[in-house]
Amino acid sequence: MDVFELARRYHDELGIKEPSMATMAAEFFGDLGLKMAEFLKGEGYAVVNTKFVDYDKSLVLDITKGENIFEITLRKS
């Protein structure tokens, strides 16, 4: 899968609104962020917000399960 298809999936499935940010997330993480979200959903978590913070090269997933709220950060090193 090319980077532009991955960027579309980051936009559609994880809600990264800005196309350039979705493309950067796809370039840095490939399908890792998408697979993480898919795994979490399979475990009963809901992804409620996602943002890509380019100055940290970080993808942040805000997730919930029941009353619990979590934040998972994937960071390119």
Protein backbone atom coordinates (compact mmCIF):
# COMPACT_ATOMS: atom_id res chain seq x y z
CA MET A 1 0.00 0.00 0.00
CA ASP A 2 1.44 3.39 -0.94
CA VAL A 3 1.75 6.36 1.41
CA PHE A 4 -1.22 8.19 -0.12
CA GLU A 5 -3.57 5.26 0.43
CA LEU A 6 -2.31 5.00 4.01
CA ALA A 7 -2.86 8.75 4.44
CA ARG A 8 -6.47 8.35 3.24
CA ARG A 9 -6.96 5.59 5.80
CA TYR A 10 -5.46 7.76 8.57
CA HIS A 11 -7.89 10.48 7.53
CA ASP A 12 -10.96 8.21 7.20
CA GLU A 13 -10.37 5.70 10.00
CA LEU A 14 -8.53 7.78 12.59
CA GLY A 15 -9.93 11.22 11.80
CA ILE A 16 -6.70 13.13 11.14
CA LYS A 17 -8.37 16.06 9.38
CA GLU A 18 -5.46 17.87 7.76
CA PRO A 19 -4.30 15.96 4.64
CA SER A 20 -0.65 16.94 5.09
CA MET A 21 -0.69 15.68 8.69
CA ALA A 22 -2.31 12.40 7.62
CA THR A 23 0.39 12.03 4.97
CA MET A 24 3.15 12.71 7.50
CA ALA A 25 1.65 10.17 9.90
CA ALA A 26 1.57 7.62 7.08
CA GLU A 27 5.19 8.36 6.16
CA PHE A 28 6.44 8.08 9.74
CA PHE A 29 4.37 5.14 10.96
CA GLY A 30 3.24 3.22 7.88
CA ASP A 31 0.27 1.09 8.90
CA LEU A 32 1.35 0.81 12.58
CA GLY A 33 -1.11 3.46 13.82
CA LEU A 34 -3.95 1.83 11.88
CA LYS A 35 -3.08 -1.63 13.23
CA MET A 36 -2.91 -0.27 16.79
CA ALA A 37 -6.36 1.30 16.44
CA GLU A 38 -7.76 -1.89 14.92
CA PHE A 39 -6.34 -3.98 17.79
CA LEU A 40 -7.72 -1.60 20.42
CA LYS A 41 -11.16 -1.63 18.83
CA GLY A 42 -11.07 -5.43 18.82
CA GLU A 43 -10.32 -5.34 22.56
CA GLY A 44 -13.38 -3.19 23.24
CA TYR A 45 -11.76 0.25 23.30
CA ALA A 46 -13.17 3.18 21.37
CA VAL A 47 -10.83 5.61 19.62
CA VAL A 48 -12.41 8.99 20.37
CA ASN A 49 -9.75 11.34 19.04
CA THR A 50 -6.51 11.14 17.11
CA LYS A 51 -3.99 13.83 16.40
CA PHE A 52 -0.60 13.92 14.75
CA VAL A 53 1.87 16.25 16.42
CA ASP A 54 4.55 16.79 13.81
CA TYR A 55 7.04 18.68 15.95
CA ASP A 56 7.31 15.60 18.18
CA LYS A 57 6.72 13.17 15.30
CA SER A 58 4.03 11.69 17.51
CA LEU A 59 0.68 10.10 16.82
CA VAL A 60 -1.63 10.43 19.81
CA LEU A 61 -4.67 8.14 20.17
CA ASP A 62 -7.28 9.10 22.77
CA ILE A 63 -9.22 5.97 23.71
CA THR A 64 -11.92 4.97 26.16
CA LYS A 65 -13.26 1.77 27.63
CA GLY A 66 -16.15 2.07 30.00
CA GLU A 67 -15.41 4.91 32.42
CA ASN A 68 -11.67 4.84 31.72
CA ILE A 69 -9.92 7.28 29.40
CA PHE A 70 -6.41 6.66 28.06
CA GLU A 71 -3.92 8.36 25.78
CA ILE A 72 -1.49 6.31 23.72
CA THR A 73 1.41 8.03 21.99
CA LEU A 74 3.40 6.53 19.14
CA ARG A 75 6.62 8.48 18.69
CA LYS A 76 9.15 8.15 15.89
CA SER A 77 12.65 8.07 17.33
